[in-house]
Amino acid sequence: MLTAGDIVDVRAAFVADPFMILRKGVWYLFFEVLRDYTRTGEIGLAVSEDLVRWLYQKIVLRESFHLSYPHVFEWEGSYYMVPETIGAGGRGSPLQEH
């Protein structure tokens, strides 16, 4: 589908962790772009109408820490992305039953 060579707005070492959604006949592919010189992951976007030809758009999410595995979902008419951000150094708490 896409390779690091298709990424034109940053120098990419590789692309990984694809996640697709379909909206109004267009496929949206979100994926990790590992920047070559910083070795941090950013989230890129490509689109397709036929799942064969993909058009890279741009980096859509960038932070000072590594991002990967962009999980995208729709809820009440809006779209949300929850990428993996373990490099951010935050501490999560386990879910508890009430």
PDB file of N, CA and C in Angstrom:
ATOM      1  N   MET A   1       0.827  -1.188   0.000  1.00  0.00           N
ATOM      2  CA  MET A   1       0.000   0.000   0.000  1.00  0.00           C
ATOM      3  C   MET A   1       0.874   1.255   0.000  1.00  0.00           C
ATOM      4  N   LEU A   2       1.578   1.501   1.094  1.00  0.00           N
ATOM      5  CA  LEU A   2       2.462   2.660   1.211  1.00  0.00           C
ATOM      6  C   LEU A   2       3.802   2.214   1.775  1.00  0.00           C
ATOM      7  N   THR A   3       4.840   2.963   1.424  1.00  0.00           N
ATOM      8  CA  THR A   3       6.158   2.726   1.992  1.00  0.00           C
ATOM      9  C   THR A   3       6.699   4.040   2.524  1.00  0.00           C
ATOM     10  N   ALA A   4       7.829   3.982   3.196  1.00  0.00           N
ATOM     11  CA  ALA A   4       8.469   5.198   3.699  1.00  0.00           C
ATOM     12  C   ALA A   4       8.755   6.177   2.556  1.00  0.00           C
ATOM     13  N   GLY A   5       8.997   5.668   1.364  1.00  0.00           N
ATOM     14  CA  GLY A   5       9.260   6.521   0.207  1.00  0.00           C
ATOM     15  C   GLY A   5       8.066   7.355  -0.237  1.00  0.00           C
ATOM     16  N   ASP A   6       6.859   6.968   0.166  1.00  0.00           N
ATOM     17  CA  ASP A   6       5.655   7.717  -0.183  1.00  0.00           C
ATOM     18  C   ASP A   6       5.431   8.927   0.717  1.00  0.00           C
ATOM     19  N   ILE A   7       6.141   8.989   1.823  1.00  0.00           N
ATOM     20  CA  ILE A   7       5.970  10.081   2.785  1.00  0.00           C
ATOM     21  C   ILE A   7       6.802  11.260   2.299  1.00  0.00           C
ATOM     22  N   VAL A   8       6.145  12.384   2.044  1.00  0.00           N
ATOM     23  CA  VAL A   8       6.831  13.510   1.416  1.00  0.00           C
ATOM     24  C   VAL A   8       7.048  14.709   2.340  1.00  0.00           C
ATOM     25  N   ASP A   9       6.379  14.755   3.489  1.00  0.00           N
ATOM     26  CA  ASP A   9       6.519  15.930   4.349  1.00  0.00           C
ATOM     27  C   ASP A   9       7.546  15.759   5.469  1.00  0.00           C
ATOM     28  N   VAL A  10       7.999  14.539   5.721  1.00  0.00           N
ATOM     29  CA  VAL A  10       9.090  14.274   6.660  1.00  0.00           C
ATOM     30  C   VAL A  10       9.928  13.142   6.080  1.00  0.00           C
ATOM     31  N   ARG A  11      11.158  13.013   6.558  1.00  0.00           N
ATOM     32  CA  ARG A  11      11.990  11.882   6.130  1.00  0.00           C
ATOM     33  C   ARG A  11      11.642  10.689   7.014  1.00  0.00           C
ATOM     34  N   ALA A  12      11.092   9.638   6.415  1.00  0.00           N
ATOM     35  CA  ALA A  12      10.588   8.495   7.163  1.00  0.00           C
ATOM     36  C   ALA A  12      11.540   7.308   7.071  1.00  0.00           C
ATOM     37  N   ALA A  13      11.775   6.659   8.219  1.00  0.00           N
ATOM     38  CA  ALA A  13      12.547   5.419   8.236  1.00  0.00           C
ATOM     39  C   ALA A  13      11.657   4.249   7.833  1.00  0.00           C
ATOM     40  N   PHE A  14      10.409   4.251   8.320  1.00  0.00           N
ATOM     41  CA  PHE A  14       9.438   3.235   7.929  1.00  0.00           C
ATOM     42  C   PHE A  14       8.038   3.689   8.302  1.00  0.00           C
ATOM     43  N   VAL A  15       7.048   2.954   7.788  1.00  0.00           N
ATOM     44  CA  VAL A  15       5.647   3.151   8.164  1.00  0.00           C
ATOM     45  C   VAL A  15       5.142   1.838   8.746  1.00  0.00           C
ATOM     46  N   ALA A  16       4.193   1.931   9.704  1.00  0.00           N
ATOM     47  CA  ALA A  16       3.710   0.722  10.379  1.00  0.00           C
ATOM     48  C   ALA A  16       2.356   0.978  11.014  1.00  0.00           C
ATOM     49  N   ASP A  17       1.790  -0.064  11.585  1.00  0.00           N
ATOM     50  CA  ASP A  17       0.598   0.003  12.434  1.00  0.00           C
ATOM     51  C   ASP A  17      -0.610   0.658  11.765  1.00  0.00           C
ATOM     52  N   PRO A  18      -1.052   0.158  10.602  1.00  0.00           N
ATOM     53  CA  PRO A  18      -2.178   0.786   9.893  1.00  0.00           C
ATOM     54  C   PRO A  18      -3.521   0.576  10.597  1.00  0.00           C
ATOM     55  N   PHE A  19      -4.374   1.569  10.450  1.00  0.00           N
ATOM     56  CA  PHE A  19      -5.745   1.497  10.971  1.00  0.00           C
ATOM     57  C   PHE A  19      -6.644   2.206   9.966  1.00  0.00           C
ATOM     58  N   MET A  20      -7.646   1.492   9.428  1.00  0.00           N
ATOM     59  CA  MET A  20      -8.515   2.057   8.394  1.00  0.00           C
ATOM     60  C   MET A  20      -9.937   2.261   8.890  1.00  0.00           C
ATOM     61  N   ILE A  21     -10.555   3.325   8.362  1.00  0.00           N
ATOM     62  CA  ILE A  21     -11.990   3.537   8.556  1.00  0.00           C
ATOM     63  C   ILE A  21     -12.584   3.926   7.205  1.00  0.00           C
ATOM     64  N   LEU A  22     -13.860   3.613   7.022  1.00  0.00           N
ATOM     65  CA  LEU A  22     -14.583   3.946   5.794  1.00  0.00           C
ATOM     66  C   LEU A  22     -15.610   5.004   6.128  1.00  0.00           C
ATOM     67  N   ARG A  23     -15.580   6.096   5.364  1.00  0.00           N
ATOM     68  CA  ARG A  23     -16.547   7.174   5.570  1.00  0.00           C
ATOM     69  C   ARG A  23     -16.971   7.722   4.213  1.00  0.00           C
ATOM     70  N   LYS A  24     -18.266   7.612   3.927  1.00  0.00           N
ATOM     71  CA  LYS A  24     -18.850   8.125   2.681  1.00  0.00           C
ATOM     72  C   LYS A  24     -18.092   7.652   1.450  1.00  0.00           C
ATOM     73  N   GLY A  25     -17.772   6.356   1.401  1.00  0.00           N
ATOM     74  CA  GLY A  25     -17.134   5.769   0.233  1.00  0.00           C
ATOM     75  C   GLY A  25     -15.641   6.005   0.115  1.00  0.00           C
ATOM     76  N   VAL A  26     -15.034   6.632   1.090  1.00  0.00           N
ATOM     77  CA  VAL A  26     -13.590   6.889   1.071  1.00  0.00           C
ATOM     78  C   VAL A  26     -12.958   6.165   2.256  1.00  0.00           C
ATOM     79  N   TRP A  27     -11.877   5.447   1.970  1.00  0.00           N
ATOM     80  CA  TRP A  27     -11.102   4.790   3.022  1.00  0.00           C
ATOM     81  C   TRP A  27     -10.039   5.757   3.544  1.00  0.00           C
ATOM     82  N   TYR A  28      -9.956   5.865   4.850  1.00  0.00           N
ATOM     83  CA  TYR A  28      -8.951   6.685   5.520  1.00  0.00           C
ATOM     84  C   TYR A  28      -8.000   5.747   6.252  1.00  0.00           C
ATOM     85  N   LEU A  29      -6.734   5.825   5.918  1.00  0.00           N
ATOM     86  CA  LEU A  29      -5.713   4.970   6.507  1.00  0.00           C
ATOM     87  C   LEU A  29      -4.813   5.818   7.393  1.00  0.00           C
ATOM     88  N   PHE A  30      -4.868   5.562   8.685  1.00  0.00           N
ATOM     89  CA  PHE A  30      -3.990   6.224   9.648  1.00  0.00           C
ATOM     90  C   PHE A  30      -2.884   5.235  10.007  1.00  0.00           C
ATOM     91  N   PHE A  31      -1.664   5.709  10.190  1.00  0.00           N
ATOM     92  CA  PHE A  31      -0.543   4.804  10.419  1.00  0.00           C
ATOM     93  C   PHE A  31       0.620   5.550  11.063  1.00  0.00           C
ATOM     94  N   GLU A  32       1.509   4.761  11.671  1.00  0.00           N
ATOM     95  CA  GLU A  32       2.719   5.343  12.257  1.00  0.00           C
ATOM     96  C   GLU A  32       3.728   5.650  11.165  1.00  0.00           C
ATOM     97  N   VAL A  33       4.337   6.827  11.254  1.00  0.00           N
ATOM     98  CA  VAL A  33       5.475   7.205  10.419  1.00  0.00           C
ATOM     99  C   VAL A  33       6.638   7.400  11.380  1.00  0.00           C
ATOM    100  N   LEU A  34       7.672   6.565  11.276  1.00  0.00           N
ATOM    101  CA  LEU A  34       8.835   6.736  12.138  1.00  0.00           C
ATOM    102  C   LEU A  34       9.781   7.713  11.460  1.00  0.00           C
ATOM    103  N   ARG A  35       9.970   8.878  12.097  1.00  0.00           N
ATOM    104  CA  ARG A  35      10.878   9.889  11.539  1.00  0.00           C
ATOM    105  C   ARG A  35      12.303   9.385  11.608  1.00  0.00           C
ATOM    106  N   ASP A  36      13.016   9.549  10.526  1.00  0.00           N
ATOM    107  CA  ASP A  36      14.363   9.013  10.393  1.00  0.00           C
ATOM    108  C   ASP A  36      15.336   9.616  11.399  1.00  0.00           C
ATOM    109  N   TYR A  37      15.362  10.913  11.547  1.00  0.00           N
ATOM    110  CA  TYR A  37      16.396  11.533  12.388  1.00  0.00           C
ATOM    111  C   TYR A  37      16.029  11.647  13.861  1.00  0.00           C
ATOM    112  N   THR A  38      14.756  11.663  14.224  1.00  0.00           N
ATOM    113  CA  THR A  38      14.387  11.746  15.638  1.00  0.00           C
ATOM    114  C   THR A  38      14.039  10.382  16.217  1.00  0.00           C
ATOM    115  N   ARG A  39      13.740   9.404  15.340  1.00  0.00           N
ATOM    116  CA  ARG A  39      13.336   8.056  15.751  1.00  0.00           C
ATOM    117  C   ARG A  39      12.070   8.078  16.607  1.00  0.00           C
ATOM    118  N   THR A  40      11.202   9.059  16.383  1.00  0.00           N
ATOM    119  CA  THR A  40       9.908   9.103  17.062  1.00  0.00           C
ATOM    120  C   THR A  40       8.797   8.869  16.049  1.00  0.00           C
ATOM    121  N   GLY A  41       7.732   8.265  16.518  1.00  0.00           N
ATOM    122  CA  GLY A  41       6.593   7.984  15.664  1.00  0.00           C
ATOM    123  C   GLY A  41       5.624   9.147  15.630  1.00  0.00           C
ATOM    124  N   GLU A  42       5.087   9.393  14.456  1.00  0.00           N
ATOM    125  CA  GLU A  42       4.039  10.386  14.235  1.00  0.00           C
ATOM    126  C   GLU A  42       2.929   9.677  13.466  1.00  0.00           C
ATOM    127  N   ILE A  43       1.753  10.265  13.426  1.00  0.00           N
ATOM    128  CA  ILE A  43       0.631   9.619  12.748  1.00  0.00           C
ATOM    129  C   ILE A  43       0.391  10.289  11.396  1.00  0.00           C
ATOM    130  N   GLY A  44       0.423   9.467  10.348  1.00  0.00           N
ATOM    131  CA  GLY A  44       0.181   9.931   8.992  1.00  0.00           C
ATOM    132  C   GLY A  44      -1.191   9.494   8.503  1.00  0.00           C
ATOM    133  N   LEU A  45      -1.609  10.085   7.392  1.00  0.00           N
ATOM    134  CA  LEU A  45      -2.907   9.782   6.792  1.00  0.00           C
ATOM    135  C   LEU A  45      -2.764   9.608   5.290  1.00  0.00           C
ATOM    136  N   ALA A  46      -3.416   8.570   4.768  1.00  0.00           N
ATOM    137  CA  ALA A  46      -3.555   8.360   3.320  1.00  0.00           C
ATOM    138  C   ALA A  46      -5.024   8.034   3.054  1.00  0.00           C
ATOM    139  N   VAL A  47      -5.483   8.299   1.830  1.00  0.00           N
ATOM    140  CA  VAL A  47      -6.878   8.029   1.470  1.00  0.00           C
ATOM    141  C   VAL A  47      -6.939   7.202   0.189  1.00  0.00           C
ATOM    142  N   SER A  48      -8.047   6.463   0.045  1.00  0.00           N
ATOM    143  CA  SER A  48      -8.266   5.640  -1.140  1.00  0.00           C
ATOM    144  C   SER A  48      -9.761   5.465  -1.358  1.00  0.00           C
ATOM    145  N   GLU A  49     -10.156   5.368  -2.605  1.00  0.00           N
ATOM    146  CA  GLU A  49     -11.547   5.056  -2.928  1.00  0.00           C
ATOM    147  C   GLU A  49     -11.711   3.609  -3.339  1.00  0.00           C
ATOM    148  N   ASP A  50     -10.589   2.900  -3.623  1.00  0.00           N
ATOM    149  CA  ASP A  50     -10.690   1.532  -4.120  1.00  0.00           C
ATOM    150  C   ASP A  50      -9.819   0.526  -3.366  1.00  0.00           C
ATOM    151  N   LEU A  51      -9.148   0.934  -2.331  1.00  0.00           N
ATOM    152  CA  LEU A  51      -8.246   0.097  -1.530  1.00  0.00           C
ATOM    153  C   LEU A  51      -7.033  -0.393  -2.322  1.00  0.00           C
ATOM    154  N   VAL A  52      -6.810   0.157  -3.516  1.00  0.00           N
ATOM    155  CA  VAL A  52      -5.659  -0.210  -4.334  1.00  0.00           C
ATOM    156  C   VAL A  52      -4.714   0.975  -4.469  1.00  0.00           C
ATOM    157  N   ARG A  53      -5.252   2.111  -4.917  1.00  0.00           N
ATOM    158  CA  ARG A  53      -4.450   3.320  -5.077  1.00  0.00           C
ATOM    159  C   ARG A  53      -4.618   4.190  -3.835  1.00  0.00           C
ATOM    160  N   TRP A  54      -3.518   4.500  -3.184  1.00  0.00           N
ATOM    161  CA  TRP A  54      -3.533   5.312  -1.958  1.00  0.00           C
ATOM    162  C   TRP A  54      -2.842   6.628  -2.214  1.00  0.00           C
ATOM    163  N   LEU A  55      -3.408   7.698  -1.700  1.00  0.00           N
ATOM    164  CA  LEU A  55      -2.832   9.030  -1.834  1.00  0.00           C
ATOM    165  C   LEU A  55      -2.433   9.525  -0.445  1.00  0.00           C
ATOM    166  N   TYR A  56      -1.138   9.631  -0.223  1.00  0.00           N
ATOM    167  CA  TYR A  56      -0.653  10.126   1.055  1.00  0.00           C
ATOM    168  C   TYR A  56      -1.063  11.592   1.219  1.00  0.00           C
ATOM    169  N   GLN A  57      -1.558  11.951   2.393  1.00  0.00           N
ATOM    170  CA  GLN A  57      -1.999  13.315   2.663  1.00  0.00           C
ATOM    171  C   GLN A  57      -0.934  14.107   3.428  1.00  0.00           C
ATOM    172  N   LYS A  58      -0.698  13.719   4.701  1.00  0.00           N
ATOM    173  CA  LYS A  58       0.274  14.440   5.528  1.00  0.00           C
ATOM    174  C   LYS A  58       0.330  13.805   6.915  1.00  0.00           C
ATOM    175  N   ILE A  59       1.248  14.292   7.728  1.00  0.00           N
ATOM    176  CA  ILE A  59       1.277  13.943   9.144  1.00  0.00           C
ATOM    177  C   ILE A  59       0.100  14.668   9.787  1.00  0.00           C
ATOM    178  N   VAL A  60      -0.729  13.920  10.520  1.00  0.00           N
ATOM    179  CA  VAL A  60      -1.918  14.519  11.129  1.00  0.00           C
ATOM    180  C   VAL A  60      -1.818  14.642  12.643  1.00  0.00           C
ATOM    181  N   LEU A  61      -0.833  13.963  13.241  1.00  0.00           N
ATOM    182  CA  LEU A  61      -0.659  14.067  14.690  1.00  0.00           C
ATOM    183  C   LEU A  61       0.819  13.923  15.018  1.00  0.00           C
ATOM    184  N   ARG A  62       1.333  14.904  15.750  1.00  0.00           N
ATOM    185  CA  ARG A  62       2.749  14.941  16.119  1.00  0.00           C
ATOM    186  C   ARG A  62       2.845  15.404  17.570  1.00  0.00           C
ATOM    187  N   GLU A  63       3.676  14.747  18.346  1.00  0.00           N
ATOM    188  CA  GLU A  63       3.933  15.127  19.735  1.00  0.00           C
ATOM    189  C   GLU A  63       5.441  15.082  19.975  1.00  0.00           C
ATOM    190  N   SER A  64       5.862  15.465  21.153  1.00  0.00           N
ATOM    191  CA  SER A  64       7.283  15.400  21.492  1.00  0.00           C
ATOM    192  C   SER A  64       7.692  13.982  21.887  1.00  0.00           C
ATOM    193  N   PHE A  65       6.732  13.059  21.977  1.00  0.00           N
ATOM    194  CA  PHE A  65       6.984  11.667  22.334  1.00  0.00           C
ATOM    195  C   PHE A  65       6.471  10.764  21.217  1.00  0.00           C
ATOM    196  N   HIS A  66       6.809   9.506  21.295  1.00  0.00           N
ATOM    197  CA  HIS A  66       6.482   8.528  20.260  1.00  0.00           C
ATOM    198  C   HIS A  66       4.985   8.209  20.220  1.00  0.00           C
ATOM    199  N   LEU A  67       4.421   8.191  19.022  1.00  0.00           N
ATOM    200  CA  LEU A  67       3.026   7.807  18.788  1.00  0.00           C
ATOM    201  C   LEU A  67       3.000   6.599  17.857  1.00  0.00           C
ATOM    202  N   SER A  68       2.079   5.680  18.100  1.00  0.00           N
ATOM    203  CA  SER A  68       1.906   4.533  17.210  1.00  0.00           C
ATOM    204  C   SER A  68       0.491   3.974  17.391  1.00  0.00           C
ATOM    205  N   TYR A  69       0.158   2.930  16.661  1.00  0.00           N
ATOM    206  CA  TYR A  69      -1.135   2.252  16.737  1.00  0.00           C
ATOM    207  C   TYR A  69      -2.324   3.219  16.863  1.00  0.00           C
ATOM    208  N   PRO A  70      -2.595   3.998  15.820  1.00  0.00           N
ATOM    209  CA  PRO A  70      -3.686   4.975  15.892  1.00  0.00           C
ATOM    210  C   PRO A  70      -5.067   4.330  15.785  1.00  0.00           C
ATOM    211  N   HIS A  71      -5.709   4.140  16.900  1.00  0.00           N
ATOM    212  CA  HIS A  71      -7.064   3.577  16.911  1.00  0.00           C
ATOM    213  C   HIS A  71      -8.065   4.715  16.711  1.00  0.00           C
ATOM    214  N   VAL A  72      -8.871   4.636  15.651  1.00  0.00           N
ATOM    215  CA  VAL A  72      -9.853   5.676  15.324  1.00  0.00           C
ATOM    216  C   VAL A  72     -11.251   5.082  15.467  1.00  0.00           C
ATOM    217  N   PHE A  73     -12.143   5.858  16.064  1.00  0.00           N
ATOM    218  CA  PHE A  73     -13.518   5.391  16.211  1.00  0.00           C
ATOM    219  C   PHE A  73     -14.484   6.569  16.115  1.00  0.00           C
ATOM    220  N   GLU A  74     -15.726   6.242  15.801  1.00  0.00           N
ATOM    221  CA  GLU A  74     -16.788   7.253  15.688  1.00  0.00           C
ATOM    222  C   GLU A  74     -17.726   7.086  16.871  1.00  0.00           C
ATOM    223  N   TRP A  75     -18.115   8.195  17.459  1.00  0.00           N
ATOM    224  CA  TRP A  75     -19.058   8.190  18.569  1.00  0.00           C
ATOM    225  C   TRP A  75     -19.926   9.431  18.478  1.00  0.00           C
ATOM    226  N   GLU A  76     -21.220   9.212  18.393  1.00  0.00           N
ATOM    227  CA  GLU A  76     -22.209  10.280  18.310  1.00  0.00           C
ATOM    228  C   GLU A  76     -21.879  11.309  17.221  1.00  0.00           C
ATOM    229  N   GLY A  77     -21.480  10.802  16.051  1.00  0.00           N
ATOM    230  CA  GLY A  77     -21.252  11.658  14.896  1.00  0.00           C
ATOM    231  C   GLY A  77     -19.894  12.326  14.813  1.00  0.00           C
ATOM    232  N   SER A  78     -19.020  12.110  15.785  1.00  0.00           N
ATOM    233  CA  SER A  78     -17.670  12.674  15.755  1.00  0.00           C
ATOM    234  C   SER A  78     -16.648  11.545  15.738  1.00  0.00           C
ATOM    235  N   TYR A  79     -15.478  11.825  15.161  1.00  0.00           N
ATOM    236  CA  TYR A  79     -14.404  10.841  15.088  1.00  0.00           C
ATOM    237  C   TYR A  79     -13.317  11.196  16.083  1.00  0.00           C
ATOM    238  N   TYR A  80     -12.758  10.154  16.687  1.00  0.00           N
ATOM    239  CA  TYR A  80     -11.718  10.323  17.696  1.00  0.00           C
ATOM    240  C   TYR A  80     -10.570   9.365  17.401  1.00  0.00           C
ATOM    241  N   MET A  81      -9.361   9.766  17.788  1.00  0.00           N
ATOM    242  CA  MET A  81      -8.193   8.913  17.637  1.00  0.00           C
ATOM    243  C   MET A  81      -7.532   8.747  18.999  1.00  0.00           C
ATOM    244  N   VAL A  82      -7.205   7.496  19.307  1.00  0.00           N
ATOM    245  CA  VAL A  82      -6.479   7.195  20.534  1.00  0.00           C
ATOM    246  C   VAL A  82      -5.225   6.418  20.133  1.00  0.00           C
ATOM    247  N   PRO A  83      -4.103   7.106  19.961  1.00  0.00           N
ATOM    248  CA  PRO A  83      -2.873   6.395  19.625  1.00  0.00           C
ATOM    249  C   PRO A  83      -2.193   5.848  20.881  1.00  0.00           C
ATOM    250  N   GLU A  84      -1.319   4.891  20.679  1.00  0.00           N
ATOM    251  CA  GLU A  84      -0.490   4.401  21.764  1.00  0.00           C
ATOM    252  C   GLU A  84       0.551   5.485  22.059  1.00  0.00           C
ATOM    253  N   THR A  85       0.722   5.803  23.336  1.00  0.00           N
ATOM    254  CA  THR A  85       1.626   6.898  23.736  1.00  0.00           C
ATOM    255  C   THR A  85       2.492   6.525  24.927  1.00  0.00           C
ATOM    256  N   ILE A  86       2.915   5.279  25.015  1.00  0.00           N
ATOM    257  CA  ILE A  86       3.655   4.841  26.195  1.00  0.00           C
ATOM    258  C   ILE A  86       4.905   5.691  26.446  1.00  0.00           C
ATOM    259  N   GLY A  87       5.490   6.245  25.416  1.00  0.00           N
ATOM    260  CA  GLY A  87       6.677   7.076  25.570  1.00  0.00           C
ATOM    261  C   GLY A  87       6.419   8.409  26.234  1.00  0.00           C
ATOM    262  N   ALA A  88       5.145   8.755  26.450  1.00  0.00           N
ATOM    263  CA  ALA A  88       4.820  10.039  27.075  1.00  0.00           C
ATOM    264  C   ALA A  88       5.148  10.042  28.562  1.00  0.00           C
ATOM    265  N   GLY A  89       5.318   8.873  29.153  1.00  0.00           N
ATOM    266  CA  GLY A  89       5.700   8.796  30.556  1.00  0.00           C
ATOM    267  C   GLY A  89       4.549   8.920  31.533  1.00  0.00           C
ATOM    268  N   GLY A  90       3.316   8.921  31.036  1.00  0.00           N
ATOM    269  CA  GLY A  90       2.166   9.023  31.932  1.00  0.00           C
ATOM    270  C   GLY A  90       1.938   7.709  32.663  1.00  0.00           C
ATOM    271  N   ARG A  91       1.169   7.792  33.706  1.00  0.00           N
ATOM    272  CA  ARG A  91       0.824   6.596  34.472  1.00  0.00           C
ATOM    273  C   ARG A  91      -0.669   6.395  34.409  1.00  0.00           C
ATOM    274  N   GLY A  92      -1.083   5.283  33.896  1.00  0.00           N
ATOM    275  CA  GLY A  92      -2.500   4.952  33.848  1.00  0.00           C
ATOM    276  C   GLY A  92      -2.897   4.169  35.077  1.00  0.00           C
ATOM    277  N   SER A  93      -4.171   4.096  35.313  1.00  0.00           N
ATOM    278  CA  SER A  93      -4.660   3.276  36.416  1.00  0.00           C
ATOM    279  C   SER A  93      -5.577   2.213  35.845  1.00  0.00           C
ATOM    280  N   PRO A  94      -5.565   1.017  36.432  1.00  0.00           N
ATOM    281  CA  PRO A  94      -6.424  -0.051  35.905  1.00  0.00           C
ATOM    282  C   PRO A  94      -7.894   0.290  36.113  1.00  0.00           C
ATOM    283  N   LEU A  95      -8.722  -0.225  35.208  1.00  0.00           N
ATOM    284  CA  LEU A  95     -10.160  -0.052  35.350  1.00  0.00           C
ATOM    285  C   LEU A  95     -10.642  -0.830  36.569  1.00  0.00           C
ATOM    286  N   GLN A  96     -11.553  -0.251  37.285  1.00  0.00           N
ATOM    287  CA  GLN A  96     -12.083  -0.905  38.464  1.00  0.00           C
ATOM    288  C   GLN A  96     -13.592  -1.091  38.296  1.00  0.00           C
ATOM    289  N   GLU A  97     -14.091  -2.204  38.769  1.00  0.00           N
ATOM    290  CA  GLU A  97     -15.535  -2.456  38.718  1.00  0.00           C
ATOM    291  C   GLU A  97     -16.209  -1.746  39.888  1.00  0.00           C
ATOM    292  N   HIS A  98     -17.354  -1.178  39.632  1.00  0.00           N
ATOM    293  CA  HIS A  98     -18.114  -0.492  40.676  1.00  0.00           C
ATOM    294  C   HIS A  98     -19.457  -1.151  40.845  1.00  0.00           C
TER     295      HIS A  98
END
